[in-house]
Amino acid sequence: MMASSYSAKEEDGHHSGAPGPGGVNAKSRKPDNTAFKQQRLPAWQPILTAGTVLPAFFIIGLLFIPIGIGLYVTSNNIKEYEIDYTGVDMSSPCFNCSQNYSWNSTKPCTCSVAFSLDQPFESNVFMYYGLSNYYQNHRRYVKSRDDSQLNGNLNSLKDPSKECEPYRTNDGLPIAPCGAIANSLFNDTLELYYNDPNGTKIPIRLVKTGIAWWTDKHVKFRNPVGDGSNLSAVFQGTTKPVNWQKYVYQLDTDPDNNGFINEDLIVWMRTAALPTFRKLYRIIEKQGDATPTLPRGNYTLLITYNYPVRSFEGRKRMILSTISWMGGKNPFLGIAYITVGSVCFFLGVVLLIIHHKYGSRSNNADIAS
């Protein structure tokens, strides 16, 4: 009993800060007497009852279903036309190009695909190129770039980041732009022609500016300081990426769309999250209110086949699309809203039936008890 009593006193003295061995006070491990540490803060916990749960389910259902129907109808009203020009089938006009062209080819291969539009395309039309089975989200691929170099830093231009390996230097010269993303730049050339009833091919004007994000064009990507009209001098001492046919200062004749601020390069450098993706290539602007941007009729897509995809079983597509207030054609959001709203409304009906059938019994049992 004495040993037990001594232990209790010793423990009590330890917690209360009583002197320990050698006369030194032991630090108490007891939490401070505050509302936070003693868990005395005010709290609110909802009590789920039939009167609160059922209206919530019905309100969500009645709100989400009309919103989903509106989004789905809006998406379906967007006109879209897609052409696969990979050239996998022998009957494809681009079959020979897909079989014979590689990164080492020096002569370009051209092919043309004829198609017709059954409905006119109103307002502005956006031309995309699409790739499939292309994993731009691979970790090493995403890191293989030098953002400081792309922002016009002269030191990074002459000495690129090691993240760009093995596309950092070539023949002892720094690569501009360096990295695997820039090295794999999509470089097919797409031209569109309208075939009028007289048999004349009328070229469709494709606008190549305004396709990149404003922040990318004016903030993230900049040419090194120098004469904008003489970029060859600015990039002197650098070389082109291994798979490129041109130097970075030869991408365009317009100095506002050349070098690192070339919008085709900027669009490509914003990597896609999924293996099947599309990127904006050109814009077909509406010329007048009286005529559609692309009238119904026959068209020809002329392709300069520079980008081989057969080695990784990829596919290439050209997409023509209009847009609405919610963007491009994508029925997923509307379907998601309709699904969630329908599930909530259905659960509300089921719970209402259960409450109507068994709710009175539970109330009687509570009264009896």
Protein backbone atom coordinates (compact mmCIF):
# COMPACT_ATOMS: atom_id res chain seq x y z
CA MET A 1 0.00 0.00 0.00
CA MET A 2 2.83 2.39 0.81
CA ALA A 3 4.49 1.77 -2.54
CA SER A 4 1.19 2.36 -4.32
CA SER A 5 0.58 5.58 -2.45
CA TYR A 6 4.07 6.81 -3.20
CA SER A 7 3.61 6.15 -6.94
CA ALA A 8 0.38 8.08 -7.03
CA LYS A 9 1.94 11.04 -5.31
CA GLU A 10 4.96 10.88 -7.57
CA GLU A 11 2.77 10.84 -10.68
CA ASP A 12 0.65 13.68 -9.39
CA GLY A 13 3.72 15.69 -8.60
CA HIS A 14 5.12 15.05 -12.09
CA HIS A 15 1.98 16.37 -13.81
CA SER A 16 1.56 19.35 -11.57
CA GLY A 17 5.08 20.58 -12.10
CA ALA A 18 6.34 19.55 -8.63
CA PRO A 19 10.09 19.42 -8.13
CA GLY A 20 11.65 16.28 -9.54
CA PRO A 21 14.92 14.63 -8.73
CA GLY A 22 17.61 17.19 -7.93
CA GLY A 23 15.01 19.89 -7.28
CA VAL A 24 14.27 20.58 -10.97
CA ASN A 25 10.63 21.15 -11.94
CA ALA A 26 9.36 18.61 -14.51
CA LYS A 27 7.44 20.11 -17.47
CA SER A 28 3.76 19.21 -17.44
CA ARG A 29 2.32 17.41 -20.44
CA LYS A 30 -1.19 18.52 -19.67
CA PRO A 31 -2.69 20.70 -22.46
CA ASP A 32 -3.34 24.34 -21.64
CA ASN A 33 -6.73 25.21 -20.28
CA THR A 34 -7.95 26.93 -23.44
CA ALA A 35 -11.12 26.44 -25.46
CA PHE A 36 -9.14 25.24 -28.46
CA LYS A 37 -6.85 22.74 -26.73
CA GLN A 38 -9.60 21.48 -24.40
CA GLN A 39 -12.04 21.17 -27.34
CA ARG A 40 -14.63 23.54 -25.93
CA LEU A 41 -15.06 25.60 -29.12
CA PRO A 42 -18.64 26.12 -30.29
CA ALA A 43 -19.65 23.71 -33.07
CA TRP A 44 -22.61 23.14 -35.32
CA GLN A 45 -23.65 19.67 -36.42
CA PRO A 46 -26.57 19.30 -38.82
CA ILE A 47 -29.27 16.84 -37.85
CA LEU A 48 -30.38 15.02 -40.98
CA THR A 49 -34.11 14.58 -41.02
CA ALA A 50 -36.63 13.87 -43.72
CA GLY A 51 -37.69 17.51 -43.63
CA THR A 52 -34.19 18.71 -44.57
CA VAL A 53 -32.85 15.90 -46.77
CA LEU A 54 -35.85 15.43 -49.09
CA PRO A 55 -36.13 19.11 -50.16
CA ALA A 56 -32.36 19.20 -50.80
CA PHE A 57 -32.56 16.20 -53.14
CA PHE A 58 -35.55 17.60 -55.03
CA ILE A 59 -34.03 21.10 -55.34
CA ILE A 60 -30.72 19.70 -56.68
CA GLY A 61 -32.59 17.51 -59.14
CA LEU A 62 -34.88 20.29 -60.38
CA LEU A 63 -31.91 22.65 -60.82
CA PHE A 64 -29.35 20.30 -62.37
CA ILE A 65 -31.61 18.62 -64.93
CA PRO A 66 -32.61 21.85 -66.78
CA ILE A 67 -29.02 23.14 -66.62
CA GLY A 68 -27.74 19.83 -68.03
CA ILE A 69 -30.31 19.85 -70.83
CA GLY A 70 -29.30 23.42 -71.74
CA LEU A 71 -25.60 22.54 -71.79
CA TYR A 72 -26.22 19.39 -73.83
CA VAL A 73 -28.38 21.17 -76.41
CA THR A 74 -25.86 24.00 -76.70
CA SER A 75 -23.04 21.51 -77.26
CA ASN A 76 -25.02 19.65 -79.92
CA ASN A 77 -25.70 22.90 -81.78
CA ILE A 78 -21.96 23.36 -82.32
CA LYS A 79 -21.02 22.17 -85.80
CA GLU A 80 -17.92 20.05 -86.15
CA TYR A 81 -16.27 18.16 -88.98
CA GLU A 82 -13.30 15.83 -88.56
CA ILE A 83 -10.93 14.19 -91.07
CA ASP A 84 -8.40 11.49 -90.21
CA TYR A 85 -5.49 11.87 -92.61
CA THR A 86 -2.99 9.51 -90.96
CA GLY A 87 -2.89 7.33 -94.07
CA VAL A 88 -3.22 3.93 -92.41
CA ASP A 89 -5.52 2.42 -95.05
CA MET A 90 -4.20 1.76 -98.52
CA SER A 91 -7.19 3.61 -99.96
CA SER A 92 -6.22 6.79 -98.08
CA PRO A 93 -4.75 9.64 -100.22
CA CYS A 94 -1.97 10.00 -97.61
CA PHE A 95 -1.01 6.31 -97.50
CA ASN A 96 2.22 6.74 -99.48
CA CYS A 97 3.31 9.68 -97.34
CA SER A 98 2.69 7.78 -94.12
CA GLN A 99 4.70 4.80 -95.39
CA ASN A 100 7.68 6.64 -96.80
CA TYR A 101 8.09 9.80 -94.72
CA SER A 102 10.34 9.88 -91.63
CA TRP A 103 12.16 12.48 -89.54
CA ASN A 104 15.22 12.04 -91.75
CA SER A 105 13.35 12.80 -94.97
CA THR A 106 14.54 15.93 -96.76
CA LYS A 107 11.80 16.26 -99.39
CA PRO A 108 8.27 17.06 -98.19
CA CYS A 109 5.41 14.75 -99.11
CA THR A 110 2.05 16.24 -100.08
CA CYS A 111 -1.41 14.70 -100.27
CA SER A 112 -4.94 16.04 -100.55
CA VAL A 113 -8.23 14.90 -99.05
CA ALA A 114 -11.56 15.84 -100.63
CA PHE A 115 -14.63 16.28 -98.43
CA SER A 116 -17.98 18.03 -98.45
CA LEU A 117 -19.96 19.99 -95.89
CA ASP A 118 -23.70 19.29 -95.79
CA GLN A 119 -24.41 22.34 -93.62
CA PRO A 120 -22.84 25.79 -93.70
CA PHE A 121 -20.57 26.88 -90.85
CA GLU A 122 -21.59 30.26 -89.47
CA SER A 123 -19.52 32.72 -87.42
CA ASN A 124 -15.82 32.10 -86.91
CA VAL A 125 -14.54 28.59 -87.62
CA PHE A 126 -11.62 27.11 -85.71
CA MET A 127 -9.27 24.63 -87.35
CA TYR A 128 -7.57 22.17 -85.01
CA TYR A 129 -5.05 19.41 -85.51
CA GLY A 130 -5.58 16.34 -83.38
CA LEU A 131 -3.17 13.61 -82.29
CA SER A 132 -3.91 10.24 -80.71
CA ASN A 133 -1.75 7.88 -78.67
CA TYR A 134 0.63 10.76 -78.01
CA TYR A 135 1.62 11.06 -74.34
CA GLN A 136 2.62 14.67 -73.84
CA ASN A 137 2.02 14.21 -70.11
CA HIS A 138 5.03 11.88 -69.66
CA ARG A 139 7.08 13.14 -66.71
CA ARG A 140 10.42 13.39 -68.51
CA TYR A 141 8.79 14.90 -71.59
CA VAL A 142 7.00 17.61 -69.58
CA LYS A 143 10.23 18.59 -67.76
CA SER A 144 12.31 18.68 -70.96
CA ARG A 145 12.23 22.45 -71.54
CA ASP A 146 13.93 25.63 -70.38
CA ASP A 147 11.36 28.27 -69.46
CA SER A 148 14.09 30.83 -68.80
CA GLN A 149 15.40 30.37 -72.33
CA LEU A 150 11.89 30.65 -73.79
CA ASN A 151 11.46 33.88 -71.83
CA GLY A 152 14.41 35.43 -73.68
CA ASN A 153 17.17 35.02 -71.09
CA LEU A 154 20.52 35.37 -72.92
CA ASN A 155 22.41 33.20 -70.43
CA SER A 156 19.94 30.34 -70.89
CA LEU A 157 20.10 30.86 -74.64
CA LYS A 158 23.84 30.16 -74.65
CA ASP A 159 23.78 27.62 -71.81
CA PRO A 160 20.40 25.77 -71.73
CA SER A 161 19.13 23.91 -68.69
CA LYS A 162 20.27 20.33 -68.14
CA GLU A 163 16.60 19.34 -68.05
CA CYS A 164 16.72 19.60 -71.87
CA GLU A 165 19.06 16.61 -72.24
CA PRO A 166 19.53 14.89 -74.65
CA TYR A 167 18.19 17.82 -76.73
CA ARG A 168 20.36 20.46 -75.04
CA THR A 169 23.21 20.81 -77.54
CA ASN A 170 23.99 19.57 -81.04
CA ASP A 171 27.48 19.60 -82.59
CA GLY A 172 28.69 21.64 -79.64
CA LEU A 173 26.13 24.42 -80.14
CA PRO A 174 23.22 25.11 -77.78
CA ILE A 175 19.81 24.24 -79.19
CA ALA A 176 17.16 26.97 -79.32
CA PRO A 177 14.57 26.09 -78.24
CA CYS A 178 15.94 23.13 -76.31
CA GLY A 179 14.14 20.07 -74.96
CA ALA A 180 12.01 17.18 -76.14
CA ILE A 181 8.78 19.22 -76.33
CA ALA A 182 10.19 21.74 -78.79
CA ASN A 183 12.07 19.03 -80.70
CA SER A 184 8.77 17.22 -81.42
CA LEU A 185 6.96 20.35 -82.66
CA PHE A 186 3.99 19.52 -84.90
CA ASN A 187 4.97 20.76 -88.36
CA ASP A 188 2.35 19.50 -90.81
CA THR A 189 1.08 22.27 -93.09
CA LEU A 190 -2.69 22.33 -93.69
CA GLU A 191 -4.33 24.37 -96.46
CA LEU A 192 -8.05 24.53 -97.18
CA TYR A 193 -9.71 25.18 -100.57
CA TYR A 194 -13.33 25.61 -101.55
CA ASN A 195 -14.33 23.95 -104.83
CA ASP A 196 -16.90 26.19 -106.49
CA PRO A 197 -19.42 24.78 -109.02
CA ASN A 198 -17.19 25.96 -111.89
CA GLY A 199 -14.36 23.71 -110.73
CA THR A 200 -12.15 26.51 -109.42
CA LYS A 201 -10.33 25.98 -106.16
CA ILE A 202 -10.69 29.07 -103.98
CA PRO A 203 -8.20 29.22 -101.08
CA ILE A 204 -9.68 29.77 -97.64
CA ARG A 205 -7.87 32.44 -95.63
CA LEU A 206 -6.43 30.89 -92.47
CA VAL A 207 -5.42 33.32 -89.70
CA LYS A 208 -2.33 32.11 -87.84
CA THR A 209 -2.27 34.73 -85.05
CA GLY A 210 -4.52 34.87 -82.03
CA ILE A 211 -4.37 31.10 -81.52
CA ALA A 212 -2.23 31.21 -78.34
CA TRP A 213 -3.15 32.33 -74.85
CA TRP A 214 -2.51 36.03 -74.26
CA THR A 215 -0.42 35.33 -71.14
CA ASP A 216 1.75 32.87 -73.07
CA LYS A 217 2.29 35.23 -75.98
CA HIS A 218 3.07 38.36 -73.94
CA VAL A 219 4.45 37.04 -70.63
CA LYS A 220 5.89 33.52 -70.75
CA PHE A 221 7.48 33.62 -74.22
CA ARG A 222 9.82 36.38 -75.36
CA ASN A 223 12.60 36.72 -77.86
CA PRO A 224 16.05 37.68 -76.56
CA VAL A 225 16.71 41.41 -76.54
CA GLY A 226 17.74 42.60 -79.98
CA ASP A 227 16.50 43.81 -83.34
CA GLY A 228 13.21 42.04 -83.93
CA SER A 229 13.64 42.21 -87.70
CA ASN A 230 17.07 40.54 -87.51
CA LEU A 231 16.49 37.55 -85.29
CA SER A 232 19.24 35.61 -87.05
CA ALA A 233 21.78 37.85 -85.33
CA VAL A 234 20.03 37.45 -81.98
CA PHE A 235 20.13 33.65 -82.23
CA GLN A 236 23.67 33.57 -83.62
CA GLY A 237 25.72 30.82 -81.98
CA THR A 238 22.72 28.51 -81.51
CA THR A 239 21.39 25.71 -83.65
CA LYS A 240 17.96 24.28 -84.48
CA PRO A 241 16.40 21.26 -82.75
CA VAL A 242 17.36 17.90 -84.23
CA ASN A 243 13.99 17.17 -85.87
CA TRP A 244 13.37 20.68 -87.16
CA GLN A 245 13.78 21.63 -90.80
CA LYS A 246 14.14 25.34 -90.02
CA TYR A 247 15.86 27.47 -87.42
CA VAL A 248 13.69 29.15 -84.79
CA TYR A 249 14.13 32.55 -86.45
CA GLN A 250 12.83 31.11 -89.75
CA LEU A 251 9.43 29.98 -88.47
CA ASP A 252 7.64 33.01 -89.92
CA THR A 253 8.31 36.13 -91.97
CA ASP A 254 6.31 38.30 -89.56
CA PRO A 255 8.68 39.55 -86.79
CA ASP A 256 5.73 39.61 -84.36
CA ASN A 257 5.17 35.89 -84.95
CA ASN A 258 8.73 34.64 -85.24
CA GLY A 259 11.29 33.10 -82.92
CA PHE A 260 10.14 32.15 -79.45
CA ILE A 261 6.91 34.14 -79.86
CA ASN A 262 5.76 32.06 -82.82
CA GLU A 263 2.22 31.05 -81.89
CA ASP A 264 2.44 27.56 -83.39
CA LEU A 265 5.40 26.91 -81.08
CA ILE A 266 3.61 28.47 -78.10
CA VAL A 267 0.49 26.34 -78.63
CA TRP A 268 2.58 23.17 -78.89
CA MET A 269 4.60 23.96 -75.77
CA ARG A 270 1.42 23.94 -73.64
CA THR A 271 1.38 20.18 -73.13
CA ALA A 272 -1.83 18.15 -73.18
CA ALA A 273 -3.00 16.09 -70.20
CA LEU A 274 -4.45 13.16 -72.18
CA PRO A 275 -2.99 10.98 -74.96
CA THR A 276 -5.76 12.03 -77.38
CA PHE A 277 -5.88 15.78 -77.76
CA ARG A 278 -6.41 18.63 -80.19
CA LYS A 279 -4.63 21.97 -80.51
CA LEU A 280 -5.74 25.12 -82.27
CA TYR A 281 -4.03 25.48 -85.66
CA ARG A 282 -5.78 28.33 -87.50
CA ILE A 283 -8.86 30.55 -87.36
CA ILE A 284 -11.21 31.11 -90.30
CA GLU A 285 -12.78 34.51 -89.70
CA LYS A 286 -16.23 35.43 -90.91
CA GLN A 287 -16.01 38.02 -93.69
CA GLY A 288 -19.58 39.31 -93.78
CA ASP A 289 -22.99 38.89 -92.17
CA ALA A 290 -24.71 37.87 -95.39
CA THR A 291 -22.58 34.83 -96.22
CA PRO A 292 -21.54 31.91 -94.01
CA THR A 293 -17.89 31.45 -93.12
CA LEU A 294 -17.83 28.03 -94.81
CA PRO A 295 -20.78 27.47 -97.15
CA ARG A 296 -22.06 24.00 -97.88
CA GLY A 297 -20.27 22.34 -100.76
CA ASN A 298 -17.07 20.54 -101.70
CA TYR A 299 -13.66 21.26 -100.19
CA THR A 300 -10.09 20.07 -100.54
CA LEU A 301 -7.62 19.77 -97.68
CA LEU A 302 -4.04 20.02 -98.94
CA ILE A 303 -1.55 18.48 -96.51
CA THR A 304 2.22 18.80 -96.43
CA TYR A 305 2.99 15.59 -94.56
CA ASN A 306 5.95 16.39 -92.30
CA TYR A 307 4.98 14.72 -89.03
CA PRO A 308 5.35 10.90 -88.92
CA VAL A 309 3.19 9.10 -86.33
CA ARG A 310 3.18 5.50 -87.53
CA SER A 311 6.23 4.59 -85.40
CA PHE A 312 4.15 4.90 -82.19
CA GLU A 313 0.80 3.89 -83.77
CA GLY A 314 -0.51 7.42 -83.55
CA ARG A 315 -3.27 9.05 -85.56
CA LYS A 316 -3.59 12.55 -87.03
CA ARG A 317 -6.79 14.50 -87.57
CA MET A 318 -7.98 17.86 -88.86
CA ILE A 319 -11.04 19.29 -87.12
CA LEU A 320 -13.25 22.20 -88.19
CA SER A 321 -15.46 23.51 -85.41
CA THR A 322 -17.57 26.45 -84.38
CA ILE A 323 -17.88 27.53 -80.75
CA SER A 324 -20.58 28.77 -78.40
CA TRP A 325 -20.64 30.69 -75.13
CA MET A 326 -19.46 27.51 -73.36
CA GLY A 327 -16.55 26.85 -75.74
CA GLY A 328 -16.12 23.96 -78.14
CA LYS A 329 -18.19 20.83 -78.59
CA ASN A 330 -18.15 18.76 -75.40
CA PRO A 331 -21.34 16.98 -74.28
CA PHE A 332 -19.75 15.60 -71.09
CA LEU A 333 -20.69 18.52 -68.84
CA GLY A 334 -24.34 18.42 -69.89
CA ILE A 335 -24.52 14.65 -69.44
CA ALA A 336 -22.90 14.96 -66.00
CA TYR A 337 -25.45 17.56 -64.86
CA ILE A 338 -28.38 15.49 -66.17
CA THR A 339 -27.04 12.34 -64.50
CA VAL A 340 -26.47 13.97 -61.10
CA GLY A 341 -29.84 15.72 -61.20
CA SER A 342 -31.68 12.52 -62.19
CA VAL A 343 -29.97 10.49 -59.45
CA CYS A 344 -30.81 13.11 -56.82
CA PHE A 345 -34.44 13.35 -57.94
CA PHE A 346 -34.76 9.55 -57.99
CA LEU A 347 -33.28 9.26 -54.50
CA GLY A 348 -35.64 11.96 -53.31
CA VAL A 349 -38.66 10.00 -54.59
CA VAL A 350 -37.39 6.74 -53.03
CA LEU A 351 -36.70 8.37 -49.65
CA LEU A 352 -40.09 10.10 -49.75
CA ILE A 353 -41.83 6.75 -50.25
CA ILE A 354 -39.80 5.17 -47.45
CA HIS A 355 -40.56 8.08 -45.13
CA HIS A 356 -44.26 7.99 -45.95
CA LYS A 357 -44.42 4.24 -45.35
CA TYR A 358 -42.25 3.84 -42.26
CA GLY A 359 -42.04 7.35 -40.81
CA SER A 360 -45.32 7.07 -38.86
CA ARG A 361 -44.16 3.83 -37.21
CA SER A 362 -40.96 5.40 -35.92
CA ASN A 363 -42.92 8.40 -34.59
CA ASN A 364 -45.38 6.12 -32.76
CA ALA A 365 -42.48 4.14 -31.29
CA ASP A 366 -40.87 7.34 -30.00
CA ILE A 367 -44.16 8.44 -28.40
CA ALA A 368 -44.64 5.04 -26.77
CA SER A 369 -41.16 5.07 -25.33
